[in-house]
């Protein structure tokens, strides 16, 4: 575990990522996740057809990142000027299904940018619906995700260098 106040970072490519797009609900958005030059690349095309409008990737676990005692999630990104969501998953359930805790961030076009998100400020959601619920505890997080759902059709591209914990 990192010292108090220290930032522990892992290359984003070390997480085991899977694609989850709006096709699960009939949408037509497409995305892919890949590693290139040691960077995680999340790219695709967002479509609003057939009630679609989101593309996402989700980690299967935390790749050894210890978030216990952390107050923030941090990541270094290079984007396309669009708005993305960082999603954290834990033990919270709604009608027996997993809840995502969500925070939005901007990914400036073509420049590296460090994002820091207060874990306690992340909002619980289920399939886009805001929920009432307790604040997320860092020690409960067992998976992360990135999602785009900004209602703008067309191509998107986000690169992630690392994901880490903050004070």
N, C-alpha and C. Protein backbone atom coordinates (compact mmCIF):
# COMPACT_ATOMS: atom_id res chain seq x y z
N UNK A 1 0.84 -1.19 0.00
CA UNK A 1 0.00 0.00 0.00
C UNK A 1 0.88 1.24 0.00
N UNK A 2 0.46 2.27 -0.71
CA UNK A 2 1.23 3.50 -0.80
C UNK A 2 1.17 4.26 0.52
N UNK A 3 2.20 5.07 0.76
CA UNK A 3 2.20 5.90 1.96
C UNK A 3 1.05 6.88 1.90
N UNK A 4 0.62 7.34 3.07
CA UNK A 4 -0.47 8.30 3.14
C UNK A 4 -0.09 9.54 2.33
N UNK A 5 -0.98 9.99 1.45
CA UNK A 5 -0.74 11.16 0.64
C UNK A 5 0.01 10.87 -0.65
N UNK A 6 0.58 9.69 -0.79
CA UNK A 6 1.32 9.34 -2.00
C UNK A 6 0.35 8.89 -3.09
N UNK A 7 0.80 8.98 -4.31
CA UNK A 7 -0.01 8.53 -5.44
C UNK A 7 0.56 7.22 -5.94
N UNK A 8 -0.26 6.19 -5.99
CA UNK A 8 0.12 4.92 -6.58
C UNK A 8 -0.52 4.87 -7.96
N UNK A 9 0.30 4.56 -8.97
CA UNK A 9 -0.18 4.55 -10.35
C UNK A 9 0.15 3.23 -11.01
N UNK A 10 -0.76 2.79 -11.85
CA UNK A 10 -0.51 1.61 -12.67
C UNK A 10 -0.78 1.96 -14.13
N UNK A 11 0.03 1.46 -15.05
CA UNK A 11 -0.30 1.68 -16.46
C UNK A 11 -1.70 1.16 -16.75
N UNK A 12 -2.48 1.95 -17.47
CA UNK A 12 -3.88 1.58 -17.75
C UNK A 12 -3.97 0.28 -18.52
N UNK A 13 -2.95 -0.06 -19.28
CA UNK A 13 -3.00 -1.30 -20.06
C UNK A 13 -2.89 -2.54 -19.18
N UNK A 14 -2.50 -2.39 -17.91
CA UNK A 14 -2.40 -3.55 -17.02
C UNK A 14 -3.76 -4.05 -16.53
N UNK A 15 -4.79 -3.23 -16.65
CA UNK A 15 -6.14 -3.64 -16.27
C UNK A 15 -6.70 -4.53 -17.37
N UNK A 16 -7.55 -5.46 -17.01
CA UNK A 16 -8.17 -6.37 -17.97
C UNK A 16 -9.49 -5.73 -18.43
N UNK A 17 -9.50 -5.12 -19.61
CA UNK A 17 -10.64 -4.35 -20.10
C UNK A 17 -11.53 -5.16 -21.03
N UNK A 18 -12.83 -4.87 -20.95
CA UNK A 18 -13.82 -5.46 -21.85
C UNK A 18 -14.72 -4.34 -22.37
N UNK A 19 -15.17 -4.47 -23.61
CA UNK A 19 -16.05 -3.49 -24.24
C UNK A 19 -17.50 -3.80 -23.88
N UNK A 20 -18.26 -2.74 -23.52
CA UNK A 20 -19.70 -2.85 -23.29
C UNK A 20 -20.34 -1.63 -23.97
N UNK A 21 -20.99 -1.87 -25.11
CA UNK A 21 -21.60 -0.79 -25.87
C UNK A 21 -23.12 -0.85 -25.78
N UNK A 22 -23.77 0.16 -26.36
CA UNK A 22 -25.23 0.24 -26.31
C UNK A 22 -25.92 -0.86 -27.11
N UNK A 23 -25.18 -1.69 -27.82
CA UNK A 23 -25.77 -2.82 -28.51
C UNK A 23 -26.49 -3.77 -27.57
N UNK A 24 -26.12 -3.74 -26.28
CA UNK A 24 -26.82 -4.57 -25.30
C UNK A 24 -28.27 -4.13 -25.15
N UNK A 25 -28.60 -2.91 -25.67
CA UNK A 25 -29.96 -2.38 -25.61
C UNK A 25 -30.50 -2.07 -27.01
N UNK A 26 -29.82 -2.57 -28.05
CA UNK A 26 -30.28 -2.34 -29.41
C UNK A 26 -29.59 -1.19 -30.13
N UNK A 27 -28.71 -0.47 -29.47
CA UNK A 27 -28.01 0.66 -30.09
C UNK A 27 -26.97 0.20 -31.09
N UNK A 28 -26.41 1.19 -31.81
CA UNK A 28 -25.48 0.88 -32.90
C UNK A 28 -24.09 1.47 -32.70
N UNK A 29 -23.78 1.97 -31.51
CA UNK A 29 -22.44 2.51 -31.26
C UNK A 29 -21.43 1.38 -31.31
N UNK A 30 -20.20 1.74 -31.72
CA UNK A 30 -19.11 0.76 -31.81
C UNK A 30 -17.90 1.30 -31.07
N UNK A 31 -17.17 0.43 -30.42
CA UNK A 31 -15.91 0.84 -29.79
C UNK A 31 -14.99 -0.35 -29.68
N UNK A 32 -13.74 -0.03 -29.41
CA UNK A 32 -12.72 -1.05 -29.20
C UNK A 32 -11.73 -0.52 -28.19
N UNK A 33 -11.07 -1.44 -27.53
CA UNK A 33 -10.00 -1.09 -26.59
C UNK A 33 -8.75 -1.83 -27.04
N UNK A 34 -7.62 -1.12 -27.02
CA UNK A 34 -6.37 -1.72 -27.48
C UNK A 34 -5.21 -1.08 -26.74
N UNK A 35 -4.06 -1.74 -26.84
CA UNK A 35 -2.81 -1.20 -26.30
C UNK A 35 -1.95 -0.79 -27.47
N UNK A 36 -1.39 0.41 -27.39
CA UNK A 36 -0.46 0.87 -28.42
C UNK A 36 0.60 1.73 -27.76
N UNK A 37 1.84 1.31 -27.94
CA UNK A 37 2.98 2.03 -27.37
C UNK A 37 2.84 2.20 -25.85
N UNK A 38 2.29 1.18 -25.19
CA UNK A 38 2.14 1.21 -23.74
C UNK A 38 0.96 2.02 -23.23
N UNK A 39 0.12 2.50 -24.13
CA UNK A 39 -1.05 3.32 -23.75
C UNK A 39 -2.34 2.56 -24.04
N UNK A 40 -3.33 2.79 -23.20
CA UNK A 40 -4.67 2.24 -23.44
C UNK A 40 -5.37 3.15 -24.43
N UNK A 41 -5.94 2.57 -25.48
CA UNK A 41 -6.70 3.34 -26.45
C UNK A 41 -8.14 2.85 -26.46
N UNK A 42 -9.05 3.79 -26.22
CA UNK A 42 -10.49 3.55 -26.25
C UNK A 42 -11.02 4.41 -27.39
N UNK A 43 -11.45 3.75 -28.47
CA UNK A 43 -11.87 4.45 -29.69
C UNK A 43 -13.15 3.84 -30.24
N UNK A 44 -13.86 4.65 -31.01
CA UNK A 44 -15.04 4.12 -31.65
C UNK A 44 -15.87 5.19 -32.30
N UNK A 45 -17.14 4.85 -32.53
CA UNK A 45 -18.10 5.77 -33.13
C UNK A 45 -19.37 5.71 -32.30
N UNK A 46 -19.80 6.85 -31.82
CA UNK A 46 -21.03 6.94 -31.04
C UNK A 46 -22.20 7.16 -31.98
N UNK A 47 -23.26 6.37 -31.81
CA UNK A 47 -24.47 6.48 -32.62
C UNK A 47 -25.67 6.68 -31.70
N UNK A 48 -26.58 7.54 -32.13
CA UNK A 48 -27.82 7.75 -31.37
C UNK A 48 -28.99 6.96 -31.96
N UNK A 49 -28.73 6.21 -33.04
CA UNK A 49 -29.79 5.42 -33.68
C UNK A 49 -30.25 4.29 -32.77
N UNK A 50 -31.51 3.88 -32.93
CA UNK A 50 -32.11 2.77 -32.16
C UNK A 50 -32.02 3.00 -30.66
N UNK A 51 -32.20 4.24 -30.23
CA UNK A 51 -32.14 4.60 -28.81
C UNK A 51 -30.77 4.31 -28.20
N UNK A 52 -29.74 4.35 -29.03
CA UNK A 52 -28.38 4.15 -28.53
C UNK A 52 -27.80 5.43 -28.00
N UNK A 53 -26.49 5.40 -27.79
CA UNK A 53 -25.84 6.63 -27.36
C UNK A 53 -24.74 6.44 -26.35
N UNK A 54 -24.25 5.21 -26.15
CA UNK A 54 -23.10 5.07 -25.26
C UNK A 54 -22.17 3.97 -25.74
N UNK A 55 -20.92 4.16 -25.40
CA UNK A 55 -19.88 3.16 -25.62
C UNK A 55 -19.02 3.16 -24.36
N UNK A 56 -18.58 1.98 -23.95
CA UNK A 56 -17.80 1.93 -22.72
C UNK A 56 -16.83 0.76 -22.71
N UNK A 57 -15.90 0.87 -21.79
CA UNK A 57 -15.02 -0.25 -21.45
C UNK A 57 -15.06 -0.40 -19.95
N UNK A 58 -14.82 -1.63 -19.51
CA UNK A 58 -14.91 -1.92 -18.09
C UNK A 58 -13.80 -2.88 -17.70
N UNK A 59 -13.18 -2.61 -16.56
CA UNK A 59 -12.10 -3.50 -16.10
C UNK A 59 -12.69 -4.68 -15.34
N UNK A 60 -11.99 -5.78 -15.45
CA UNK A 60 -12.32 -6.95 -14.63
C UNK A 60 -11.31 -6.94 -13.50
N UNK A 61 -11.62 -6.21 -12.44
CA UNK A 61 -10.72 -6.09 -11.30
C UNK A 61 -9.90 -4.81 -11.34
N UNK A 62 -8.97 -4.70 -10.40
CA UNK A 62 -8.17 -3.49 -10.25
C UNK A 62 -6.69 -3.69 -10.57
N UNK A 63 -6.31 -4.83 -11.09
CA UNK A 63 -4.93 -5.09 -11.52
C UNK A 63 -3.92 -4.84 -10.40
N UNK A 64 -4.34 -4.99 -9.16
CA UNK A 64 -3.42 -4.81 -8.04
C UNK A 64 -3.39 -3.40 -7.48
N UNK A 65 -4.18 -2.49 -8.02
CA UNK A 65 -4.24 -1.13 -7.49
C UNK A 65 -4.98 -1.16 -6.15
N UNK A 66 -4.32 -0.75 -5.09
CA UNK A 66 -4.91 -0.75 -3.75
C UNK A 66 -5.52 0.61 -3.47
N UNK A 67 -6.84 0.69 -3.44
CA UNK A 67 -7.53 1.96 -3.23
C UNK A 67 -7.93 2.21 -1.79
N UNK A 68 -7.75 1.24 -0.89
CA UNK A 68 -8.14 1.41 0.52
C UNK A 68 -7.46 2.66 1.08
N UNK A 69 -8.24 3.51 1.70
CA UNK A 69 -7.73 4.72 2.31
C UNK A 69 -7.53 5.88 1.35
N UNK A 70 -7.80 5.67 0.08
CA UNK A 70 -7.62 6.71 -0.93
C UNK A 70 -8.82 7.64 -0.95
N UNK A 71 -8.58 8.91 -1.20
CA UNK A 71 -9.67 9.87 -1.32
C UNK A 71 -10.03 10.19 -2.74
N UNK A 72 -9.15 9.81 -3.69
CA UNK A 72 -9.38 10.19 -5.08
C UNK A 72 -8.90 9.10 -6.03
N UNK A 73 -9.51 9.09 -7.20
CA UNK A 73 -9.04 8.31 -8.33
C UNK A 73 -8.40 9.30 -9.30
N UNK A 74 -7.25 8.93 -9.83
CA UNK A 74 -6.56 9.82 -10.74
C UNK A 74 -6.23 9.08 -12.03
N UNK A 75 -6.21 9.81 -13.13
CA UNK A 75 -5.82 9.23 -14.39
C UNK A 75 -5.21 10.29 -15.29
N UNK A 76 -4.34 9.86 -16.15
CA UNK A 76 -3.71 10.75 -17.12
C UNK A 76 -4.26 10.37 -18.48
N UNK A 77 -4.90 11.36 -19.15
CA UNK A 77 -5.61 11.09 -20.40
C UNK A 77 -5.21 12.08 -21.48
N UNK A 78 -5.37 11.64 -22.71
CA UNK A 78 -5.27 12.52 -23.88
C UNK A 78 -6.52 12.22 -24.70
N UNK A 79 -7.30 13.24 -24.96
CA UNK A 79 -8.59 12.98 -25.59
C UNK A 79 -8.81 13.71 -26.89
N UNK A 80 -10.07 13.96 -27.13
CA UNK A 80 -10.55 14.55 -28.37
C UNK A 80 -11.45 15.75 -28.12
N UNK A 81 -11.40 16.31 -26.91
CA UNK A 81 -12.22 17.46 -26.58
C UNK A 81 -13.62 17.10 -26.11
N UNK A 82 -13.90 15.82 -25.95
CA UNK A 82 -15.23 15.39 -25.53
C UNK A 82 -15.26 15.10 -24.03
N UNK A 83 -16.46 14.88 -23.52
CA UNK A 83 -16.67 14.59 -22.10
C UNK A 83 -16.88 13.10 -21.92
N UNK A 84 -16.19 12.53 -20.93
CA UNK A 84 -16.24 11.10 -20.62
C UNK A 84 -16.67 10.91 -19.18
N UNK A 85 -16.96 9.69 -18.84
CA UNK A 85 -17.28 9.32 -17.45
C UNK A 85 -16.25 8.32 -16.96
N UNK A 86 -15.84 8.51 -15.71
CA UNK A 86 -15.12 7.47 -14.99
C UNK A 86 -16.16 6.80 -14.13
N UNK A 87 -16.18 5.48 -14.14
CA UNK A 87 -17.17 4.71 -13.40
C UNK A 87 -16.44 3.77 -12.45
N UNK A 88 -16.96 3.66 -11.24
CA UNK A 88 -16.39 2.76 -10.24
C UNK A 88 -17.48 1.81 -9.78
N UNK A 89 -17.11 0.56 -9.60
CA UNK A 89 -18.06 -0.48 -9.21
C UNK A 89 -17.63 -1.08 -7.88
N UNK A 90 -18.64 -1.44 -7.07
CA UNK A 90 -18.38 -2.07 -5.78
C UNK A 90 -19.50 -3.05 -5.47
N UNK A 91 -19.88 -3.10 -4.20
CA UNK A 91 -20.89 -4.07 -3.78
C UNK A 91 -22.33 -3.54 -3.86
N UNK A 92 -22.52 -2.24 -4.15
CA UNK A 92 -23.87 -1.65 -4.19
C UNK A 92 -24.70 -2.29 -5.29
N UNK A 93 -25.97 -2.55 -4.97
CA UNK A 93 -26.91 -3.17 -5.91
C UNK A 93 -28.22 -2.38 -5.94
N UNK A 94 -28.88 -2.41 -7.09
CA UNK A 94 -30.21 -1.85 -7.26
C UNK A 94 -31.03 -2.92 -7.97
N UNK A 95 -32.09 -3.38 -7.31
CA UNK A 95 -32.92 -4.47 -7.84
C UNK A 95 -32.05 -5.67 -8.23
N UNK A 96 -31.05 -5.93 -7.42
CA UNK A 96 -30.19 -7.08 -7.61
C UNK A 96 -29.09 -6.90 -8.64
N UNK A 97 -29.03 -5.73 -9.28
CA UNK A 97 -28.03 -5.48 -10.34
C UNK A 97 -27.00 -4.47 -9.86
N UNK A 98 -25.83 -4.55 -10.42
CA UNK A 98 -24.72 -3.71 -10.01
C UNK A 98 -24.95 -2.23 -10.30
N UNK A 99 -24.55 -1.39 -9.34
CA UNK A 99 -24.64 0.06 -9.45
C UNK A 99 -23.27 0.59 -9.87
N UNK A 100 -23.26 1.60 -10.72
CA UNK A 100 -22.02 2.30 -11.08
C UNK A 100 -22.00 3.63 -10.36
N UNK A 101 -20.86 3.98 -9.79
CA UNK A 101 -20.66 5.31 -9.23
C UNK A 101 -19.92 6.11 -10.30
N UNK A 102 -20.44 7.30 -10.63
CA UNK A 102 -20.04 8.01 -11.84
C UNK A 102 -19.54 9.42 -11.53
N UNK A 103 -18.52 9.83 -12.26
CA UNK A 103 -18.07 11.22 -12.29
C UNK A 103 -17.66 11.53 -13.73
N UNK A 104 -18.01 12.72 -14.20
CA UNK A 104 -17.66 13.12 -15.55
C UNK A 104 -16.36 13.91 -15.54
N UNK A 105 -15.65 13.84 -16.67
CA UNK A 105 -14.44 14.64 -16.83
C UNK A 105 -14.28 15.00 -18.30
N UNK A 106 -13.63 16.13 -18.54
CA UNK A 106 -13.34 16.56 -19.89
C UNK A 106 -11.97 16.02 -20.28
N UNK A 107 -11.83 15.66 -21.54
CA UNK A 107 -10.57 15.15 -22.08
C UNK A 107 -10.14 16.10 -23.20
N UNK A 108 -9.35 17.13 -22.86
CA UNK A 108 -8.93 18.10 -23.87
C UNK A 108 -8.29 17.42 -25.08
N UNK A 109 -8.50 18.01 -26.24
CA UNK A 109 -8.00 17.43 -27.49
C UNK A 109 -6.49 17.53 -27.60
N UNK A 110 -5.88 16.39 -27.86
CA UNK A 110 -4.48 16.30 -28.25
C UNK A 110 -3.46 16.80 -27.22
N UNK A 111 -3.84 16.89 -25.96
CA UNK A 111 -2.88 17.25 -24.90
C UNK A 111 -3.07 16.29 -23.73
N UNK A 112 -1.98 15.96 -23.07
CA UNK A 112 -2.09 15.13 -21.88
C UNK A 112 -2.64 15.96 -20.74
N UNK A 113 -3.55 15.34 -19.97
CA UNK A 113 -4.27 16.04 -18.90
C UNK A 113 -4.44 15.08 -17.74
N UNK A 114 -4.13 15.53 -16.53
CA UNK A 114 -4.34 14.69 -15.35
C UNK A 114 -5.69 15.02 -14.73
N UNK A 115 -6.47 13.99 -14.49
CA UNK A 115 -7.80 14.10 -13.91
C UNK A 115 -7.75 13.55 -12.50
N UNK A 116 -8.35 14.26 -11.55
CA UNK A 116 -8.45 13.77 -10.18
C UNK A 116 -9.92 13.85 -9.77
N UNK A 117 -10.47 12.72 -9.37
CA UNK A 117 -11.89 12.64 -9.01
C UNK A 117 -12.03 12.19 -7.57
N UNK A 118 -12.71 13.00 -6.78
CA UNK A 118 -12.97 12.68 -5.39
C UNK A 118 -13.92 11.48 -5.33
N UNK A 119 -13.48 10.40 -4.74
CA UNK A 119 -14.28 9.17 -4.69
C UNK A 119 -15.62 9.40 -3.99
N UNK A 120 -15.61 10.16 -2.90
CA UNK A 120 -16.84 10.42 -2.15
C UNK A 120 -17.87 11.24 -2.91
N UNK A 121 -17.45 11.93 -3.98
CA UNK A 121 -18.39 12.75 -4.76
C UNK A 121 -18.99 12.00 -5.94
N UNK A 122 -18.54 10.78 -6.20
CA UNK A 122 -19.08 10.02 -7.32
C UNK A 122 -20.53 9.64 -7.03
N UNK A 123 -21.38 9.77 -8.05
CA UNK A 123 -22.82 9.59 -7.89
C UNK A 123 -23.28 8.21 -8.34
N UNK A 124 -24.12 7.54 -7.51
CA UNK A 124 -24.62 6.22 -7.91
C UNK A 124 -25.64 6.32 -9.04
N UNK A 125 -25.48 5.41 -10.02
CA UNK A 125 -26.39 5.36 -11.17
C UNK A 125 -26.64 3.91 -11.55
N UNK A 126 -27.80 3.71 -12.11
CA UNK A 126 -28.15 2.41 -12.66
C UNK A 126 -28.75 2.63 -14.03
N UNK A 127 -28.07 2.15 -15.07
CA UNK A 127 -28.51 2.31 -16.45
C UNK A 127 -28.89 3.76 -16.76
N UNK A 128 -28.05 4.69 -16.32
CA UNK A 128 -28.25 6.11 -16.58
C UNK A 128 -29.16 6.82 -15.60
N UNK A 129 -29.85 6.10 -14.75
CA UNK A 129 -30.78 6.70 -13.79
C UNK A 129 -30.04 7.03 -12.49
N UNK A 130 -30.18 8.28 -12.04
CA UNK A 130 -29.56 8.69 -10.78
C UNK A 130 -30.26 7.99 -9.62
N UNK A 131 -29.48 7.53 -8.66
CA UNK A 131 -30.00 6.85 -7.49
C UNK A 131 -29.63 7.60 -6.21
N UNK A 132 -30.42 7.41 -5.19
CA UNK A 132 -30.04 7.86 -3.85
C UNK A 132 -29.23 6.74 -3.25
N UNK A 133 -28.26 7.08 -2.47
CA UNK A 133 -27.49 6.01 -1.86
C UNK A 133 -26.31 6.54 -1.08
N UNK A 134 -25.67 5.67 -0.38
CA UNK A 134 -24.51 6.08 0.41
C UNK A 134 -23.34 6.44 -0.50
N UNK A 135 -22.42 7.24 0.04
CA UNK A 135 -21.21 7.58 -0.69
C UNK A 135 -20.39 6.31 -0.93
N UNK A 136 -19.66 6.30 -2.01
CA UNK A 136 -18.79 5.18 -2.35
C UNK A 136 -17.58 5.19 -1.44
N UNK A 137 -17.22 4.04 -0.92
CA UNK A 137 -16.01 3.88 -0.11
C UNK A 137 -14.91 3.31 -0.99
N UNK A 138 -13.73 3.91 -0.92
CA UNK A 138 -12.61 3.47 -1.76
C UNK A 138 -12.32 1.98 -1.58
N UNK A 139 -12.41 1.50 -0.36
CA UNK A 139 -12.09 0.09 -0.09
C UNK A 139 -13.10 -0.87 -0.70
N UNK A 140 -14.26 -0.36 -1.15
CA UNK A 140 -15.30 -1.20 -1.75
C UNK A 140 -15.16 -1.32 -3.27
N UNK A 141 -14.32 -0.50 -3.88
CA UNK A 141 -14.21 -0.50 -5.33
C UNK A 141 -13.52 -1.78 -5.80
N UNK A 142 -14.18 -2.47 -6.75
CA UNK A 142 -13.60 -3.71 -7.29
C UNK A 142 -13.48 -3.70 -8.81
N UNK A 143 -13.82 -2.58 -9.43
CA UNK A 143 -13.70 -2.46 -10.88
C UNK A 143 -13.90 -1.02 -11.31
N UNK A 144 -13.37 -0.69 -12.49
CA UNK A 144 -13.47 0.66 -13.03
C UNK A 144 -13.98 0.60 -14.46
N UNK A 145 -14.48 1.72 -14.94
CA UNK A 145 -14.93 1.79 -16.31
C UNK A 145 -14.76 3.19 -16.87
N UNK A 146 -14.75 3.29 -18.19
CA UNK A 146 -14.76 4.55 -18.91
C UNK A 146 -15.91 4.49 -19.88
N UNK A 147 -16.66 5.59 -19.98
CA UNK A 147 -17.86 5.61 -20.81
C UNK A 147 -17.97 6.95 -21.50
N UNK A 148 -18.46 6.94 -22.72
CA UNK A 148 -18.82 8.17 -23.41
C UNK A 148 -20.30 8.09 -23.75
N UNK A 149 -21.03 9.16 -23.40
CA UNK A 149 -22.48 9.23 -23.67
C UNK A 149 -22.87 10.71 -23.74
N UNK A 150 -22.12 11.49 -24.53
CA UNK A 150 -22.31 12.94 -24.56
C UNK A 150 -23.34 13.41 -25.58
N UNK A 151 -24.07 12.49 -26.18
CA UNK A 151 -25.14 12.78 -27.14
C UNK A 151 -24.63 13.43 -28.44
N UNK A 152 -23.34 13.24 -28.74
CA UNK A 152 -22.76 13.75 -29.98
C UNK A 152 -22.35 12.57 -30.85
N UNK A 153 -23.05 12.38 -31.97
CA UNK A 153 -22.72 11.28 -32.86
C UNK A 153 -21.36 11.50 -33.49
N UNK A 154 -20.70 10.38 -33.76
CA UNK A 154 -19.45 10.47 -34.49
C UNK A 154 -18.30 9.81 -33.76
N UNK A 155 -17.10 9.91 -34.35
CA UNK A 155 -15.94 9.23 -33.80
C UNK A 155 -15.48 9.84 -32.47
N UNK A 156 -14.89 9.01 -31.65
CA UNK A 156 -14.28 9.47 -30.39
C UNK A 156 -12.99 8.70 -30.18
N UNK A 157 -12.10 9.30 -29.39
CA UNK A 157 -10.83 8.65 -29.10
C UNK A 157 -10.28 9.18 -27.78
N UNK A 158 -9.99 8.25 -26.88
CA UNK A 158 -9.42 8.59 -25.59
C UNK A 158 -8.24 7.66 -25.34
N UNK A 159 -7.10 8.25 -24.97
CA UNK A 159 -5.94 7.47 -24.57
C UNK A 159 -5.74 7.65 -23.08
N UNK A 160 -5.36 6.58 -22.40
CA UNK A 160 -5.11 6.64 -20.96
C UNK A 160 -3.72 6.09 -20.71
N UNK A 161 -2.90 6.90 -20.06
CA UNK A 161 -1.53 6.51 -19.74
C UNK A 161 -1.52 5.68 -18.46
N UNK A 162 -2.08 6.22 -17.36
CA UNK A 162 -2.09 5.51 -16.10
C UNK A 162 -3.35 5.83 -15.32
N UNK A 163 -3.63 4.96 -14.36
CA UNK A 163 -4.72 5.13 -13.41
C UNK A 163 -4.11 4.98 -12.02
N UNK A 164 -4.51 5.83 -11.10
CA UNK A 164 -3.91 5.78 -9.79
C UNK A 164 -4.83 6.22 -8.67
N UNK A 165 -4.26 6.16 -7.49
CA UNK A 165 -4.98 6.59 -6.29
C UNK A 165 -4.38 7.90 -5.84
N UNK A 166 -5.20 8.71 -5.22
CA UNK A 166 -4.73 9.99 -4.72
C UNK A 166 -5.09 10.14 -3.25
N UNK A 167 -4.57 11.18 -2.68
CA UNK A 167 -4.80 11.43 -1.24
C UNK A 167 -6.26 11.71 -0.93
